[in-house]
């Protein structure tokens, strides 16, 4: 498995990012200094943007985990459930953090809480902001300085004079020092880390906007999302579910449904710009060759289609419904979004008890460009239904004491 720390070079189109190795080299001094680390992760691409080996950089220094773009989560999402889900995931990754903050730089949700924690925990130390490319780091720093400036004239001045460019084009980027605190210590904006296993690393730079959601996510569910399906396809799905079908998510993902329950639904959460098409698996190869760059975008246009590497990586996933009332899992595609594997009744808001009487194992074959990574994870509780099925884990007294708290 490719770890979420690798990466070489920058994105196409001349964007200036650094690899994880370059960032480790530039910040190697942090392991031997006292600093406060603020690590950003994108909620839409939680696994792909996580920077898993940040402890290699931070040493024993405390870490505040900031989850960005929560304003993009589906309407009705309970942020308490999402906060607990993030903490559970973080604890499983064995990353010791002070706290988790769910934020939106657009609406300033959660920013005041981070300001308070930084001021409380800084204790004269420098503060370093870390994050992968396109995680929303610049917007977060602007929101942070805006909130700091209400109480700190130094931060107000920093908002006015904060550097826009990190380095001369073509040179390796380094941290930018920002004078943001009156009481000692500096704020450092570090370069965005290019992770080679995200979709943004393989698409053309002019296609990158298609990967970025611009508004609140709305799940698109199959087989519920049947607009445009012909009568024969609808009849096949009605009798045997999605078995024998393939679903294309733009030109970037193909999912072959090898074995699922008739009651299984796949719900796609990601940018609206990527169309979703369903065809029989027998016709999937020919359909992709014919339509990539046309119906299946990105890649967009003939020139980029001709240069496109295709979906070279396949991973077969064996999944299982552990509880008929809850989604089985999420299948997260690094740099894009995720697919919730759930009972049809759950996605449509109606319970389906017949699941409890049937075999619950599922088999999917997922195709992505090389080296994009696929993650299977516990389902993220989003939308109004999320708080209904999400289960908070019972904690021992000791776990409750040391477990990070979440804020928004």
Protein backbone atom coordinates (compact mmCIF):
# COMPACT_ATOMS: atom_id res chain seq x y z
CA UNK A 1 0.00 0.00 0.00
CA UNK A 2 1.23 3.50 -0.79
CA UNK A 3 1.45 5.48 2.41
CA UNK A 4 -0.16 8.89 2.61
CA UNK A 5 3.18 10.65 2.93
CA UNK A 6 4.95 9.90 -0.30
CA UNK A 7 5.09 12.13 -3.32
CA UNK A 8 7.56 13.43 -5.83
CA UNK A 9 7.53 16.74 -7.66
CA UNK A 10 4.59 19.09 -8.05
CA UNK A 11 1.27 19.08 -9.84
CA UNK A 12 1.17 19.68 -13.56
CA UNK A 13 0.85 23.23 -14.82
CA UNK A 14 3.76 24.65 -12.79
CA UNK A 15 2.01 24.78 -9.41
CA UNK A 16 4.55 25.06 -6.61
CA UNK A 17 4.20 22.29 -4.05
CA UNK A 18 6.73 20.09 -2.26
CA UNK A 19 6.92 16.37 -1.68
CA UNK A 20 6.56 14.95 1.81
CA UNK A 21 10.27 14.09 1.76
CA UNK A 22 11.20 17.70 0.96
CA UNK A 23 8.97 19.01 3.74
CA UNK A 24 10.49 16.57 6.25
CA UNK A 25 13.95 17.82 5.26
CA UNK A 26 13.00 21.49 5.58
CA UNK A 27 11.29 21.01 8.94
CA UNK A 28 13.66 18.42 10.43
CA UNK A 29 14.65 20.96 13.09
CA UNK A 30 11.15 20.80 14.59
CA UNK A 31 11.87 17.45 16.24
CA UNK A 32 14.43 19.20 18.43
CA UNK A 33 12.57 22.45 19.13
CA UNK A 34 9.47 23.42 21.05
CA UNK A 35 6.64 24.25 18.66
CA UNK A 36 2.88 23.90 18.29
CA UNK A 37 1.74 22.03 15.17
CA UNK A 38 -1.61 22.76 13.51
CA UNK A 39 -2.33 19.99 11.01
CA UNK A 40 -5.07 20.43 8.39
CA UNK A 41 -7.10 17.67 6.75
CA UNK A 42 -9.89 18.04 4.16
CA UNK A 43 -13.16 16.41 5.31
CA UNK A 44 -14.12 15.59 1.69
CA UNK A 45 -10.78 13.80 1.17
CA UNK A 46 -10.13 12.82 4.78
CA UNK A 47 -7.96 9.75 4.13
CA UNK A 48 -6.16 11.09 1.08
CA UNK A 49 -5.13 14.39 2.69
CA UNK A 50 -4.20 13.07 6.14
CA UNK A 51 -0.35 13.28 6.08
CA UNK A 52 -0.12 10.16 8.21
CA UNK A 53 3.54 10.39 9.26
CA UNK A 54 3.39 13.92 10.61
CA UNK A 55 4.95 12.62 13.86
CA UNK A 56 8.18 12.21 11.89
CA UNK A 57 8.17 15.99 11.59
CA UNK A 58 6.67 17.03 14.88
CA UNK A 59 8.49 14.74 17.27
CA UNK A 60 6.92 15.12 20.71
CA UNK A 61 5.43 18.55 19.95
CA UNK A 62 1.66 18.89 20.50
CA UNK A 63 -0.65 18.71 17.48
CA UNK A 64 -4.02 20.37 16.92
CA UNK A 65 -5.99 18.61 14.17
CA UNK A 66 -8.07 20.97 12.04
CA UNK A 67 -10.69 19.47 9.72
CA UNK A 68 -11.47 21.92 6.89
CA UNK A 69 -14.49 22.46 4.59
CA UNK A 70 -17.19 21.06 6.89
CA UNK A 71 -19.61 23.50 5.21
CA UNK A 72 -19.51 21.08 2.24
CA UNK A 73 -20.99 18.17 4.22
CA UNK A 74 -24.55 17.17 3.26
CA UNK A 75 -27.46 19.13 4.70
CA UNK A 76 -28.61 17.91 8.10
CA UNK A 77 -25.21 16.45 9.10
CA UNK A 78 -24.70 16.31 12.89
CA UNK A 79 -21.19 17.67 13.51
CA UNK A 80 -21.06 15.91 16.88
CA UNK A 81 -21.27 12.57 15.08
CA UNK A 82 -18.64 13.66 12.53
CA UNK A 83 -16.38 14.95 15.31
CA UNK A 84 -16.57 11.62 17.13
CA UNK A 85 -15.92 9.77 13.85
CA UNK A 86 -12.82 11.90 13.21
CA UNK A 87 -11.51 11.30 16.75
CA UNK A 88 -12.08 7.53 16.44
CA UNK A 89 -10.23 7.48 13.12
CA UNK A 90 -7.38 9.58 14.49
CA UNK A 91 -7.00 7.39 17.57
CA UNK A 92 -6.83 4.28 15.34
CA UNK A 93 -4.04 5.96 13.36
CA UNK A 94 -2.17 6.32 16.68
CA UNK A 95 -1.71 10.06 16.17
CA UNK A 96 -1.74 11.79 19.54
CA UNK A 97 -3.47 15.14 19.22
CA UNK A 98 -4.55 17.78 21.72
CA UNK A 99 -7.94 18.25 20.10
CA UNK A 100 -9.96 18.11 16.88
CA UNK A 101 -11.61 21.20 15.39
CA UNK A 102 -14.25 21.04 12.63
CA UNK A 103 -14.00 24.23 10.61
CA UNK A 104 -15.18 26.24 7.65
CA UNK A 105 -12.95 29.10 6.54
CA UNK A 106 -15.87 30.34 4.45
CA UNK A 107 -18.38 30.69 7.31
CA UNK A 108 -15.72 30.91 10.08
CA UNK A 109 -17.32 27.93 11.88
CA UNK A 110 -14.82 26.59 14.42
CA UNK A 111 -12.16 29.28 13.84
CA UNK A 112 -12.72 31.07 17.16
CA UNK A 113 -12.17 27.82 19.04
CA UNK A 114 -8.83 27.24 17.31
CA UNK A 115 -7.71 30.80 18.09
CA UNK A 116 -8.49 30.21 21.77
CA UNK A 117 -6.62 26.90 21.82
CA UNK A 118 -3.58 28.29 20.02
CA UNK A 119 -3.40 31.20 22.46
CA UNK A 120 -3.78 28.81 25.40
CA UNK A 121 -1.28 26.19 24.19
CA UNK A 122 1.29 28.34 22.36
CA UNK A 123 3.20 29.37 25.52
CA UNK A 124 5.71 31.41 23.54
CA UNK A 125 6.35 28.67 20.98
CA UNK A 126 6.28 29.06 17.20
CA UNK A 127 3.15 27.72 15.48
CA UNK A 128 3.46 25.71 12.25
CA UNK A 129 0.53 25.13 9.88
CA UNK A 130 0.88 21.86 7.93
CA UNK A 131 -1.34 20.42 5.22
CA UNK A 132 -1.41 18.70 1.87
CA UNK A 133 -1.95 20.63 -1.35
CA UNK A 134 -5.48 22.00 -1.89
CA UNK A 135 -6.57 21.24 1.68
CA UNK A 136 -7.68 24.88 2.15
CA UNK A 137 -4.60 26.06 4.04
CA UNK A 138 -4.45 29.60 2.63
CA UNK A 139 -8.14 30.18 3.32
CA UNK A 140 -7.67 28.80 6.85
CA UNK A 141 -4.73 31.10 7.59
CA UNK A 142 -6.67 34.11 6.30
CA UNK A 143 -9.63 33.17 8.53
CA UNK A 144 -7.28 32.58 11.48
CA UNK A 145 -5.61 35.99 11.06
CA UNK A 146 -9.01 37.65 10.70
CA UNK A 147 -10.16 36.18 14.01
CA UNK A 148 -6.84 36.92 15.72
CA UNK A 149 -6.91 40.52 14.52
CA UNK A 150 -9.98 41.30 16.62
CA UNK A 151 -7.80 41.08 19.74
CA UNK A 152 -4.24 41.37 18.50
CA UNK A 153 -2.98 44.42 16.52
CA UNK A 154 0.02 42.39 15.35
CA UNK A 155 -2.31 39.92 13.60
CA UNK A 156 -4.21 42.84 12.06
CA UNK A 157 -0.97 44.07 10.51
CA UNK A 158 -0.09 40.54 9.38
CA UNK A 159 -3.39 40.35 7.46
CA UNK A 160 -2.37 43.44 5.54
CA UNK A 161 1.19 42.47 4.73
CA UNK A 162 1.06 38.66 4.59
CA UNK A 163 3.14 37.44 1.61
CA UNK A 164 1.12 36.10 -1.30
CA UNK A 165 3.87 34.12 -3.06
CA UNK A 166 6.06 31.64 -1.26
CA UNK A 167 9.09 31.62 -3.53
CA UNK A 168 10.49 32.48 -6.92
CA UNK A 169 8.97 30.10 -9.51
CA UNK A 170 11.11 27.04 -10.03
CA UNK A 171 12.70 27.08 -6.58
CA UNK A 172 11.95 24.76 -3.68
CA UNK A 173 9.46 26.32 -1.33
CA UNK A 174 10.07 26.89 2.36
CA UNK A 175 8.03 28.05 5.35
CA UNK A 176 6.77 31.64 5.36
CA UNK A 177 7.12 33.50 8.65
CA UNK A 178 4.08 35.58 9.65
CA UNK A 179 4.22 37.95 12.62
CA UNK A 180 0.81 37.16 14.07
CA UNK A 181 1.25 37.16 17.85
CA UNK A 182 1.88 40.00 20.26
CA UNK A 183 3.11 37.74 23.04
CA UNK A 184 6.07 36.04 21.33
CA UNK A 185 6.39 33.18 18.85
CA UNK A 186 5.82 33.29 15.10
CA UNK A 187 3.23 31.74 12.81
CA UNK A 188 4.69 29.69 9.94
CA UNK A 189 2.80 28.85 6.78
CA UNK A 190 4.44 25.75 5.28
CA UNK A 191 4.16 24.76 1.59
CA UNK A 192 1.34 22.45 0.56
CA UNK A 193 2.48 18.84 0.32
CA UNK A 194 2.02 17.07 -2.99
CA UNK A 195 0.78 13.52 -2.39
CA UNK A 196 1.25 11.34 -5.45
CA UNK A 197 -1.65 9.01 -4.59
CA UNK A 198 -4.38 11.69 -4.99
CA UNK A 199 -6.39 12.23 -8.18
CA UNK A 200 -5.01 15.78 -8.50
CA UNK A 201 -1.58 14.28 -9.16
CA UNK A 202 -2.74 12.48 -12.32
CA UNK A 203 -5.24 14.84 -14.01
CA UNK A 204 -4.24 17.81 -16.18
CA UNK A 205 -3.85 21.08 -14.28
CA UNK A 206 -6.72 22.64 -16.26
CA UNK A 207 -9.01 19.80 -15.13
CA UNK A 208 -8.27 20.34 -11.42
CA UNK A 209 -11.30 22.63 -10.81
CA UNK A 210 -13.57 19.67 -11.63
CA UNK A 211 -12.20 17.84 -8.57
CA UNK A 212 -13.09 20.62 -6.10
CA UNK A 213 -16.68 20.69 -4.77
CA UNK A 214 -18.07 24.22 -4.92
CA UNK A 215 -21.20 23.70 -2.84
CA UNK A 216 -22.71 21.39 -0.23
CA UNK A 217 -22.41 17.71 -1.16
CA UNK A 218 -25.52 15.77 -2.12
CA UNK A 219 -25.25 12.01 -2.34
CA UNK A 220 -26.09 10.44 -5.69
CA UNK A 221 -27.39 6.93 -5.04
CA UNK A 222 -27.63 3.88 -7.24
CA UNK A 223 -30.00 2.14 -7.81
CA UNK A 224 -32.20 4.99 -6.47
CA UNK A 225 -30.61 7.53 -8.80
CA UNK A 226 -32.16 6.07 -11.97
CA UNK A 227 -32.77 9.15 -14.09
CA UNK A 228 -32.02 8.39 -17.74
CA UNK A 229 -31.88 4.58 -17.37
CA UNK A 230 -33.66 2.63 -20.08
CA UNK A 231 -36.51 0.29 -19.23
CA UNK A 232 -34.48 -2.91 -19.61
CA UNK A 233 -31.70 -1.65 -17.28
CA UNK A 234 -34.25 -0.56 -14.68
CA UNK A 235 -35.91 -3.99 -14.88
CA UNK A 236 -32.57 -5.81 -14.40
CA UNK A 237 -31.72 -3.69 -11.38
CA UNK A 238 -35.19 -4.22 -9.97
CA UNK A 239 -34.80 -8.00 -10.06
CA UNK A 240 -31.11 -8.44 -9.17
CA UNK A 241 -29.85 -5.16 -7.78
CA UNK A 242 -26.57 -3.80 -9.12
CA UNK A 243 -25.04 -7.23 -9.78
CA UNK A 244 -23.45 -7.35 -13.24
CA UNK A 245 -23.30 -3.56 -13.59
CA UNK A 246 -20.40 -1.11 -13.65
CA UNK A 247 -20.58 2.49 -12.47
CA UNK A 248 -18.24 5.16 -13.85
CA UNK A 249 -17.48 8.27 -11.79
CA UNK A 250 -16.30 10.64 -14.48
CA UNK A 251 -13.31 9.17 -16.27
CA UNK A 252 -11.50 8.64 -12.97
CA UNK A 253 -13.22 5.70 -11.25
CA UNK A 254 -14.93 2.50 -12.37
CA UNK A 255 -16.70 0.16 -9.96
CA UNK A 256 -17.64 -3.32 -11.15
CA UNK A 257 -20.36 -4.83 -8.97
CA UNK A 258 -19.40 -8.51 -8.78
CA UNK A 259 -21.62 -9.53 -5.89
CA UNK A 260 -23.99 -7.49 -3.76
CA UNK A 261 -27.32 -8.00 -2.08
CA UNK A 262 -30.30 -6.84 -4.16
CA UNK A 263 -30.84 -4.38 -1.30
CA UNK A 264 -27.40 -2.74 -1.67
CA UNK A 265 -27.09 0.90 -2.65
CA UNK A 266 -23.93 2.82 -3.62
CA UNK A 267 -24.09 6.53 -2.77
CA UNK A 268 -21.46 8.85 -4.28
CA UNK A 269 -20.24 11.92 -2.38
CA UNK A 270 -17.95 14.24 -4.30
CA UNK A 271 -17.81 17.08 -6.84
CA UNK A 272 -20.96 17.59 -8.89
CA UNK A 273 -18.86 18.28 -11.98
CA UNK A 274 -18.09 14.58 -12.33
CA UNK A 275 -20.92 12.75 -14.13
CA UNK A 276 -21.93 9.24 -13.05
CA UNK A 277 -22.88 6.60 -15.62
CA UNK A 278 -24.12 3.04 -15.15
CA UNK A 279 -23.65 0.31 -17.79
CA UNK A 280 -23.57 -3.48 -17.82
CA UNK A 281 -20.11 -4.81 -16.98
CA UNK A 282 -20.07 -6.75 -20.26
CA UNK A 283 -20.14 -3.41 -22.11
CA UNK A 284 -17.97 -1.41 -19.67
CA UNK A 285 -14.61 -1.69 -21.47
CA UNK A 286 -16.04 -0.60 -24.81
CA UNK A 287 -18.09 2.18 -23.18
CA UNK A 288 -15.02 3.60 -21.44
CA UNK A 289 -12.87 3.53 -24.58
CA UNK A 290 -15.59 5.28 -26.54
CA UNK A 291 -16.70 7.87 -23.99
CA UNK A 292 -13.63 8.82 -21.93
CA UNK A 293 -12.99 12.52 -22.46
CA UNK A 294 -16.51 12.97 -23.87
CA UNK A 295 -19.22 11.71 -21.48
CA UNK A 296 -16.70 10.49 -18.92
CA UNK A 297 -14.74 13.52 -17.74
CA UNK A 298 -12.09 14.38 -16.60
CA UNK A 299 -10.03 14.06 -18.73
CA UNK A 300 -11.72 16.81 -20.72
CA UNK A 301 -11.27 17.03 -24.50
CA UNK A 302 -9.55 15.00 -27.19
CA UNK A 303 -5.98 16.15 -26.51
CA UNK A 304 -6.09 15.22 -22.82
CA UNK A 305 -7.98 12.02 -23.65
CA UNK A 306 -5.16 10.98 -26.02
CA UNK A 307 -2.59 11.55 -23.26
CA UNK A 308 -4.70 9.85 -20.59
CA UNK A 309 -3.15 6.82 -18.88
CA UNK A 310 -6.47 5.12 -18.20
CA UNK A 311 -7.60 3.20 -15.13
CA UNK A 312 -4.50 1.05 -14.63
CA UNK A 313 -5.01 0.05 -11.00
CA UNK A 314 -7.63 -2.49 -9.89
CA UNK A 315 -8.46 -3.49 -6.34
CA UNK A 316 -11.00 -6.11 -5.40
CA UNK A 317 -12.86 -5.28 -2.20
CA UNK A 318 -14.52 -7.88 0.03
CA UNK A 319 -17.04 -6.05 2.19
CA UNK A 320 -19.69 -7.06 4.66
CA UNK A 321 -22.79 -5.65 6.32
CA UNK A 322 -22.11 -6.12 10.03
CA UNK A 323 -25.40 -4.45 10.93
CA UNK A 324 -28.39 -4.28 8.57
CA UNK A 325 -29.33 -0.87 9.97
CA UNK A 326 -26.03 0.80 9.13
CA UNK A 327 -23.88 1.32 6.01
CA UNK A 328 -21.27 -1.41 5.58
CA UNK A 329 -18.42 1.04 4.94
CA UNK A 330 -17.18 3.90 2.81
CA UNK A 331 -14.93 3.36 -0.19
CA UNK A 332 -12.85 6.55 -0.31
CA UNK A 333 -11.02 7.55 -3.49
CA UNK A 334 -7.93 9.61 -2.69
CA UNK A 335 -8.33 13.19 -3.89
CA UNK A 336 -11.96 12.86 -4.96
CA UNK A 337 -14.55 11.82 -2.34
CA UNK A 338 -16.18 8.60 -1.21
CA UNK A 339 -18.86 6.02 -1.95
CA UNK A 340 -21.09 4.86 0.91
CA UNK A 341 -22.06 1.17 0.69
CA UNK A 342 -25.46 1.02 2.37
CA UNK A 343 -28.81 -0.76 2.43
CA UNK A 344 -31.27 0.60 -0.13
CA UNK A 345 -33.74 1.22 2.66
CA UNK A 346 -31.21 3.39 4.53
CA UNK A 347 -30.43 5.61 1.54
CA UNK A 348 -34.14 6.16 0.90
CA UNK A 349 -35.02 6.64 4.56
CA UNK A 350 -36.94 3.35 4.87
CA UNK A 351 -35.71 0.43 6.99
CA UNK A 352 -35.34 -2.95 5.30
CA UNK A 353 -35.43 -5.85 7.75
CA UNK A 354 -35.02 -8.48 5.02
CA UNK A 355 -31.30 -7.73 4.98
CA UNK A 356 -31.03 -9.46 8.33
CA UNK A 357 -32.08 -12.79 6.79
CA UNK A 358 -29.63 -12.81 3.87
CA UNK A 359 -25.94 -13.36 3.25
CA UNK A 360 -24.21 -10.04 3.89
CA UNK A 361 -20.92 -10.32 1.98
CA UNK A 362 -20.25 -8.02 -0.97
CA UNK A 363 -17.62 -8.00 -3.71
CA UNK A 364 -16.61 -4.93 -5.73
CA UNK A 365 -13.79 -4.39 -8.22
CA UNK A 366 -12.60 -0.76 -8.18
CA UNK A 367 -10.50 0.71 -11.02
CA UNK A 368 -8.57 4.00 -10.66
CA UNK A 369 -5.55 5.64 -12.35
CA UNK A 370 -2.15 4.54 -11.11
CA UNK A 371 -1.09 5.39 -8.33
CA UNK A 372 -4.38 6.74 -6.88
CA UNK A 373 -5.17 5.04 -3.58
CA UNK A 374 -8.41 3.40 -2.46
CA UNK A 375 -9.36 3.35 1.24
CA UNK A 376 -12.01 1.21 2.92
CA UNK A 377 -13.08 2.87 6.17
CA UNK A 378 -15.91 2.98 8.71
CA UNK A 379 -18.81 4.97 7.23
CA UNK A 380 -18.80 8.71 7.88
CA UNK A 381 -22.15 9.73 9.46
CA UNK A 382 -23.41 12.41 7.07
CA UNK A 383 -26.87 13.77 6.31
CA UNK A 384 -29.91 13.49 8.54
CA UNK A 385 -29.72 9.69 8.52
CA UNK A 386 -26.16 9.74 9.89
CA UNK A 387 -27.13 10.61 13.45
CA UNK A 388 -29.81 7.89 13.38
CA UNK A 389 -27.44 5.00 12.66
CA UNK A 390 -24.18 6.32 14.14
CA UNK A 391 -23.10 4.60 17.34
CA UNK A 392 -20.83 6.28 19.89
CA UNK A 393 -18.36 3.79 21.31
CA UNK A 394 -18.57 3.08 25.05
CA UNK A 395 -15.39 4.42 26.65
CA UNK A 396 -13.63 3.38 29.80
CA UNK A 397 -13.03 6.10 32.37
CA UNK A 398 -9.35 6.26 31.38
CA UNK A 399 -10.16 6.44 27.64
CA UNK A 400 -12.61 9.27 28.23
CA UNK A 401 -9.96 11.17 30.16
CA UNK A 402 -7.16 10.97 27.58
CA UNK A 403 -9.21 10.89 24.38
CA UNK A 404 -9.04 14.12 22.31
CA UNK A 405 -12.16 16.31 22.39
CA UNK A 406 -13.77 17.74 19.27
CA UNK A 407 -15.02 21.30 18.77
CA UNK A 408 -16.86 23.29 16.11
